[in-house]
Amino acid sequence: MMVTNPWVCIDLDGTIMEDGHFPGFGKPRPGARKYLNKIRNRGIKIMVFTARTGITDLDGRYQNVNKVVNEILQWCEENDIPCDYVFPLPKPTFVLAFFDNLNVHVGPEKDAWKNSWDRFLTLIDDKEEE
């Protein structure tokens, strides 16, 4: 089954970028640039999603969404991370997990990108052969 105009949606903090730097920015996770470029080279667009635009405090004020999106785009450019779109997701702080039938887990271990994205690229290749 060939999909036209395919996208992948990938979390920023802890997936593409090392976790624990909010509200600042850390380094790209090992392997992120390499595997995101492999994905892009297959004609797949990359959407980065983030919960950085959520409520800032108990006063209920939200972050400036455009400012956050522009900061993420700038970080991607400075770190040669391919990004076609930033999807700001105001995740409530009480959400423990997201469940999805198209999920690919990228764990905290050092070689997580290799393990997860090699599996993803294999799935894409299998679908293109159908």
Protein backbone atom coordinates (compact mmCIF):
# COMPACT_ATOMS: atom_id res chain seq x y z
CA MET A 1 0.00 0.00 0.00
CA MET A 2 1.69 3.18 -1.17
CA VAL A 3 0.89 6.28 0.87
CA THR A 4 1.03 9.62 -0.89
CA ASN A 5 2.60 12.54 0.99
CA PRO A 6 3.62 10.50 4.07
CA TRP A 7 4.56 12.14 7.36
CA VAL A 8 6.04 10.99 10.65
CA CYS A 9 5.30 12.83 13.88
CA ILE A 10 8.17 12.80 16.37
CA ASP A 11 8.38 14.24 19.88
CA LEU A 12 11.11 16.79 20.60
CA ASP A 13 12.05 16.42 24.29
CA GLY A 14 13.54 13.03 25.08
CA THR A 15 13.17 11.70 21.54
CA ILE A 16 14.96 14.03 19.12
CA MET A 17 16.67 16.07 21.83
CA GLU A 18 18.19 14.95 25.12
CA ASP A 19 15.59 15.26 27.88
CA GLY A 20 15.80 17.49 30.94
CA HIS A 21 16.63 20.85 29.38
CA PHE A 22 13.20 22.53 29.38
CA PRO A 23 12.67 25.45 29.00
CA GLY A 24 16.08 25.54 27.29
CA PHE A 25 17.42 23.22 24.61
CA GLY A 26 19.88 20.36 24.88
CA LYS A 27 21.87 18.43 22.30
CA PRO A 28 20.30 16.13 19.72
CA ARG A 29 20.08 12.54 20.93
CA PRO A 30 22.73 10.25 19.45
CA GLY A 31 21.51 8.95 16.10
CA ALA A 32 18.59 11.38 15.77
CA ARG A 33 20.08 13.42 12.90
CA LYS A 34 21.22 10.31 11.01
CA TYR A 35 17.86 8.51 11.20
CA LEU A 36 15.74 11.60 10.57
CA ASN A 37 17.77 12.17 7.41
CA LYS A 38 17.20 8.53 6.39
CA ILE A 39 13.47 9.11 6.84
CA ARG A 40 13.51 12.36 4.89
CA ASN A 41 15.58 10.75 2.09
CA ARG A 42 12.71 8.31 1.58
CA GLY A 43 10.38 11.20 0.78
CA ILE A 44 8.73 11.22 4.21
CA LYS A 45 8.03 14.61 5.78
CA ILE A 46 8.95 15.20 9.41
CA MET A 47 6.58 16.80 11.90
CA VAL A 48 8.07 17.61 15.31
CA PHE A 49 5.55 17.77 18.10
CA THR A 50 6.00 19.36 21.48
CA ALA A 51 4.13 19.95 24.72
CA ARG A 52 6.27 23.03 25.40
CA THR A 53 3.28 25.24 24.60
CA GLY A 54 1.24 23.93 27.54
CA ILE A 55 0.13 25.89 30.57
CA THR A 56 3.09 27.66 32.18
CA ASP A 57 1.80 27.82 35.76
CA LEU A 58 -1.26 27.40 37.92
CA ASP A 59 -2.44 30.85 36.80
CA GLY A 60 -3.57 29.22 33.52
CA ARG A 61 -1.44 31.35 31.19
CA TYR A 62 -0.19 29.67 28.02
CA GLN A 63 3.20 30.05 26.41
CA ASN A 64 3.45 32.16 23.27
CA VAL A 65 2.92 29.37 20.71
CA ASN A 66 4.59 31.21 17.80
CA LYS A 67 7.66 31.97 19.92
CA VAL A 68 7.99 28.32 20.99
CA VAL A 69 7.52 27.04 17.42
CA ASN A 70 10.13 29.49 16.10
CA GLU A 71 12.61 28.49 18.84
CA ILE A 72 12.18 24.82 17.90
CA LEU A 73 12.61 25.54 14.18
CA GLN A 74 15.76 27.54 14.98
CA TRP A 75 17.14 24.69 17.17
CA CYS A 76 16.46 22.18 14.37
CA GLU A 77 18.24 24.39 11.84
CA GLU A 78 21.24 25.01 14.14
CA ASN A 79 21.57 21.25 14.75
CA ASP A 80 20.91 20.08 11.16
CA ILE A 81 17.74 18.30 12.25
CA PRO A 82 15.27 17.99 9.37
CA CYS A 83 11.87 19.44 10.24
CA ASP A 84 8.99 20.28 7.90
CA TYR A 85 6.48 21.36 10.53
CA VAL A 86 6.19 21.89 14.29
CA PHE A 87 2.96 20.69 15.89
CA PRO A 88 2.45 22.41 19.26
CA LEU A 89 0.53 20.04 21.49
CA PRO A 90 -0.58 21.59 24.78
CA LYS A 91 -0.28 18.36 26.78
CA PRO A 92 -1.93 18.59 30.19
CA THR A 93 0.56 17.88 32.98
CA PHE A 94 -1.58 15.01 34.30
CA VAL A 95 -1.21 12.87 31.15
CA LEU A 96 0.91 9.82 31.99
CA ALA A 97 1.15 8.29 28.50
CA PHE A 98 -0.07 8.51 24.93
CA PHE A 99 -1.43 5.37 23.27
CA ASP A 100 -1.53 5.02 19.51
CA ASN A 101 -1.68 2.13 17.04
CA LEU A 102 1.16 3.64 14.96
CA ASN A 103 3.53 4.24 17.86
CA VAL A 104 7.30 3.66 17.65
CA HIS A 105 8.92 3.86 21.07
CA VAL A 106 12.31 5.55 21.37
CA GLY A 107 13.64 4.62 24.80
CA PRO A 108 16.27 6.37 26.90
CA GLU A 109 19.07 3.89 26.14
CA LYS A 110 22.07 5.07 24.12
CA ASP A 111 21.28 3.13 20.92
CA ALA A 112 17.52 3.75 21.06
CA TRP A 113 17.41 5.52 17.71
CA LYS A 114 19.14 2.67 15.93
CA ASN A 115 16.84 0.03 17.40
CA SER A 116 13.59 1.97 17.02
CA TRP A 117 14.21 3.56 13.66
CA ASP A 118 15.71 0.51 12.00
CA ARG A 119 12.41 -1.20 12.93
CA PHE A 120 10.45 1.76 11.56
CA LEU A 121 12.38 1.85 8.28
CA THR A 122 11.79 -1.90 7.89
CA LEU A 123 8.05 -1.35 8.39
CA ILE A 124 8.05 1.40 5.75
CA ASP A 125 9.92 -0.83 3.29
CA ASP A 126 7.46 -3.68 3.92
CA LYS A 127 4.44 -1.40 3.31
CA GLU A 128 5.92 -0.11 0.05
CA GLU A 129 6.32 -3.68 -1.19
CA GLU A 130 2.63 -4.53 -0.54
